[in-house]
């Protein structure tokens, strides 16, 4: 995924101390795979040196506020540019012979 992300035109950080955009997305994906359900949950992994070494990050994983600021830079045009390419690469890696789309018109809100 890293090579794919590096080939895309991702939003750059606003400061010289900002995170590499590829590291931000990779950190987000790692936190989701490891069970994060909110951006705040990613803070549990920030101090994990093993995760940092596995992925070769020079810095700790981005904080929840860094992730939030980064994803706020995405608009519909950037989403249309980035997401289809990631999805294409993802489905090329797995062997799927049939797709089913299930559309449900009900919306149940819970608080």
C-alpha atoms as a PDB file:
ATOM      1  CA  UNK A   1       0.000   0.000   0.000  1.00  0.00           C
ATOM      2  CA  UNK A   2       2.864   2.366   0.756  1.00  0.00           C
ATOM      3  CA  UNK A   3       4.017   2.450  -2.881  1.00  0.00           C
ATOM      4  CA  UNK A   4       0.475   3.149  -4.046  1.00  0.00           C
ATOM      5  CA  UNK A   5       0.033   5.945  -1.495  1.00  0.00           C
ATOM      6  CA  UNK A   6       3.368   7.488  -2.473  1.00  0.00           C
ATOM      7  CA  UNK A   7       2.236   7.645  -6.100  1.00  0.00           C
ATOM      8  CA  UNK A   8      -0.919   9.624  -5.237  1.00  0.00           C
ATOM      9  CA  UNK A   9      -1.225  13.397  -4.910  1.00  0.00           C
ATOM     10  CA  UNK A  10      -1.931  13.591  -1.160  1.00  0.00           C
ATOM     11  CA  UNK A  11      -2.259  16.823   0.836  1.00  0.00           C
ATOM     12  CA  UNK A  12       1.095  17.947   2.191  1.00  0.00           C
ATOM     13  CA  UNK A  13       1.601  19.075   5.801  1.00  0.00           C
ATOM     14  CA  UNK A  14       1.357  22.783   6.551  1.00  0.00           C
ATOM     15  CA  UNK A  15       4.540  22.949   8.651  1.00  0.00           C
ATOM     16  CA  UNK A  16       8.068  21.625   8.400  1.00  0.00           C
ATOM     17  CA  UNK A  17       7.374  19.435  11.454  1.00  0.00           C
ATOM     18  CA  UNK A  18       4.312  17.865   9.830  1.00  0.00           C
ATOM     19  CA  UNK A  19       3.945  14.160   9.223  1.00  0.00           C
ATOM     20  CA  UNK A  20       4.520  12.534   5.870  1.00  0.00           C
ATOM     21  CA  UNK A  21       0.979  12.065   4.430  1.00  0.00           C
ATOM     22  CA  UNK A  22       1.726   8.410   3.668  1.00  0.00           C
ATOM     23  CA  UNK A  23       2.633   7.833   7.334  1.00  0.00           C
ATOM     24  CA  UNK A  24      -0.605   9.510   8.419  1.00  0.00           C
ATOM     25  CA  UNK A  25      -2.776   7.268   6.246  1.00  0.00           C
ATOM     26  CA  UNK A  26      -0.763   4.194   7.112  1.00  0.00           C
ATOM     27  CA  UNK A  27      -1.043   5.024  10.823  1.00  0.00           C
ATOM     28  CA  UNK A  28      -4.796   5.461  10.475  1.00  0.00           C
ATOM     29  CA  UNK A  29      -5.134   2.125   8.683  1.00  0.00           C
ATOM     30  CA  UNK A  30      -3.001   0.345  11.288  1.00  0.00           C
ATOM     31  CA  UNK A  31      -5.083   1.752  14.134  1.00  0.00           C
ATOM     32  CA  UNK A  32      -8.319   0.598  12.438  1.00  0.00           C
ATOM     33  CA  UNK A  33      -6.938  -2.896  11.836  1.00  0.00           C
ATOM     34  CA  UNK A  34      -5.835  -3.069  15.475  1.00  0.00           C
ATOM     35  CA  UNK A  35      -9.307  -2.178  16.726  1.00  0.00           C
ATOM     36  CA  UNK A  36      -9.611   1.618  16.868  1.00  0.00           C
ATOM     37  CA  UNK A  37     -13.208   2.737  16.500  1.00  0.00           C
ATOM     38  CA  UNK A  38     -12.531   6.453  16.964  1.00  0.00           C
ATOM     39  CA  UNK A  39      -9.607   8.702  16.114  1.00  0.00           C
ATOM     40  CA  UNK A  40      -8.979   9.096  19.839  1.00  0.00           C
ATOM     41  CA  UNK A  41      -8.266   5.356  20.080  1.00  0.00           C
ATOM     42  CA  UNK A  42      -5.184   5.838  17.918  1.00  0.00           C
ATOM     43  CA  UNK A  43      -3.485   7.502  20.889  1.00  0.00           C
ATOM     44  CA  UNK A  44      -3.166   4.065  22.528  1.00  0.00           C
ATOM     45  CA  UNK A  45      -0.739   3.095  19.770  1.00  0.00           C
ATOM     46  CA  UNK A  46       1.304   6.295  19.740  1.00  0.00           C
ATOM     47  CA  UNK A  47       3.843   5.048  22.271  1.00  0.00           C
ATOM     48  CA  UNK A  48       4.085   1.534  20.831  1.00  0.00           C
ATOM     49  CA  UNK A  49       7.683   1.222  19.652  1.00  0.00           C
ATOM     50  CA  UNK A  50       7.097  -2.225  18.128  1.00  0.00           C
ATOM     51  CA  UNK A  51       4.454  -0.862  15.733  1.00  0.00           C
ATOM     52  CA  UNK A  52       6.764   2.021  14.839  1.00  0.00           C
ATOM     53  CA  UNK A  53       9.613  -0.375  14.052  1.00  0.00           C
ATOM     54  CA  UNK A  54       7.434  -2.782  12.047  1.00  0.00           C
ATOM     55  CA  UNK A  55       6.312   0.004   9.730  1.00  0.00           C
ATOM     56  CA  UNK A  56       9.615   1.855   9.683  1.00  0.00           C
ATOM     57  CA  UNK A  57       8.198   5.141  10.950  1.00  0.00           C
ATOM     58  CA  UNK A  58      10.822   7.614  12.136  1.00  0.00           C
ATOM     59  CA  UNK A  59       8.320   9.304  14.429  1.00  0.00           C
ATOM     60  CA  UNK A  60       5.498   8.117  16.651  1.00  0.00           C
ATOM     61  CA  UNK A  61       2.138   7.443  15.091  1.00  0.00           C
ATOM     62  CA  UNK A  62       0.150  10.650  14.438  1.00  0.00           C
ATOM     63  CA  UNK A  63      -2.163  11.856  17.184  1.00  0.00           C
ATOM     64  CA  UNK A  64      -5.944  11.988  16.860  1.00  0.00           C
ATOM     65  CA  UNK A  65      -5.797  15.741  16.219  1.00  0.00           C
ATOM     66  CA  UNK A  66      -3.192  15.260  13.465  1.00  0.00           C
ATOM     67  CA  UNK A  67      -5.368  12.604  11.837  1.00  0.00           C
ATOM     68  CA  UNK A  68      -8.400  14.862  12.089  1.00  0.00           C
ATOM     69  CA  UNK A  69      -6.622  17.870  10.559  1.00  0.00           C
ATOM     70  CA  UNK A  70      -5.229  15.712   7.760  1.00  0.00           C
ATOM     71  CA  UNK A  71      -8.574  14.186   6.781  1.00  0.00           C
ATOM     72  CA  UNK A  72     -10.262  17.605   6.876  1.00  0.00           C
ATOM     73  CA  UNK A  73      -8.109  18.519   3.858  1.00  0.00           C
ATOM     74  CA  UNK A  74      -9.973  15.972   1.743  1.00  0.00           C
ATOM     75  CA  UNK A  75     -12.794  17.217  -0.445  1.00  0.00           C
ATOM     76  CA  UNK A  76     -14.909  15.356  -2.995  1.00  0.00           C
ATOM     77  CA  UNK A  77     -12.369  15.862  -5.785  1.00  0.00           C
ATOM     78  CA  UNK A  78      -9.470  14.527  -3.729  1.00  0.00           C
ATOM     79  CA  UNK A  79     -11.588  11.589  -2.554  1.00  0.00           C
ATOM     80  CA  UNK A  80     -12.423  10.787  -6.176  1.00  0.00           C
ATOM     81  CA  UNK A  81      -8.725  10.880  -6.976  1.00  0.00           C
ATOM     82  CA  UNK A  82      -7.420   8.776  -4.068  1.00  0.00           C
ATOM     83  CA  UNK A  83     -10.092   6.271  -3.077  1.00  0.00           C
ATOM     84  CA  UNK A  84     -10.737   4.547  -6.443  1.00  0.00           C
ATOM     85  CA  UNK A  85      -7.008   3.902  -6.879  1.00  0.00           C
ATOM     86  CA  UNK A  86      -6.726   2.386  -3.398  1.00  0.00           C
ATOM     87  CA  UNK A  87      -9.831   0.293  -3.963  1.00  0.00           C
ATOM     88  CA  UNK A  88      -8.537  -0.922  -7.344  1.00  0.00           C
ATOM     89  CA  UNK A  89      -5.236  -2.008  -5.829  1.00  0.00           C
ATOM     90  CA  UNK A  90      -7.013  -3.675  -2.909  1.00  0.00           C
ATOM     91  CA  UNK A  91      -9.284  -5.782  -5.125  1.00  0.00           C
ATOM     92  CA  UNK A  92      -6.389  -6.747  -7.385  1.00  0.00           C
ATOM     93  CA  UNK A  93      -4.680  -8.283  -4.345  1.00  0.00           C
ATOM     94  CA  UNK A  94      -7.596 -10.531  -3.385  1.00  0.00           C
ATOM     95  CA  UNK A  95      -9.347 -13.052  -5.546  1.00  0.00           C
ATOM     96  CA  UNK A  96     -12.985 -12.005  -5.795  1.00  0.00           C
ATOM     97  CA  UNK A  97     -15.067 -13.644  -8.470  1.00  0.00           C
ATOM     98  CA  UNK A  98     -18.481 -12.283  -7.517  1.00  0.00           C
ATOM     99  CA  UNK A  99     -19.698  -9.028  -5.961  1.00  0.00           C
ATOM    100  CA  UNK A 100     -23.010  -8.494  -4.198  1.00  0.00           C
ATOM    101  CA  UNK A 101     -24.316  -5.039  -3.424  1.00  0.00           C
ATOM    102  CA  UNK A 102     -26.937  -4.933  -0.695  1.00  0.00           C
ATOM    103  CA  UNK A 103     -28.909  -1.694  -0.513  1.00  0.00           C
ATOM    104  CA  UNK A 104     -31.093  -1.082   2.509  1.00  0.00           C
ATOM    105  CA  UNK A 105     -33.356   1.945   2.585  1.00  0.00           C
ATOM    106  CA  UNK A 106     -34.008   1.879   6.339  1.00  0.00           C
ATOM    107  CA  UNK A 107     -32.140   4.231   8.640  1.00  0.00           C
ATOM    108  CA  UNK A 108     -32.203   3.533  12.350  1.00  0.00           C
ATOM    109  CA  UNK A 109     -30.512   6.163  14.503  1.00  0.00           C
ATOM    110  CA  UNK A 110     -29.279   5.239  17.955  1.00  0.00           C
ATOM    111  CA  UNK A 111     -27.895   7.578  20.571  1.00  0.00           C
END
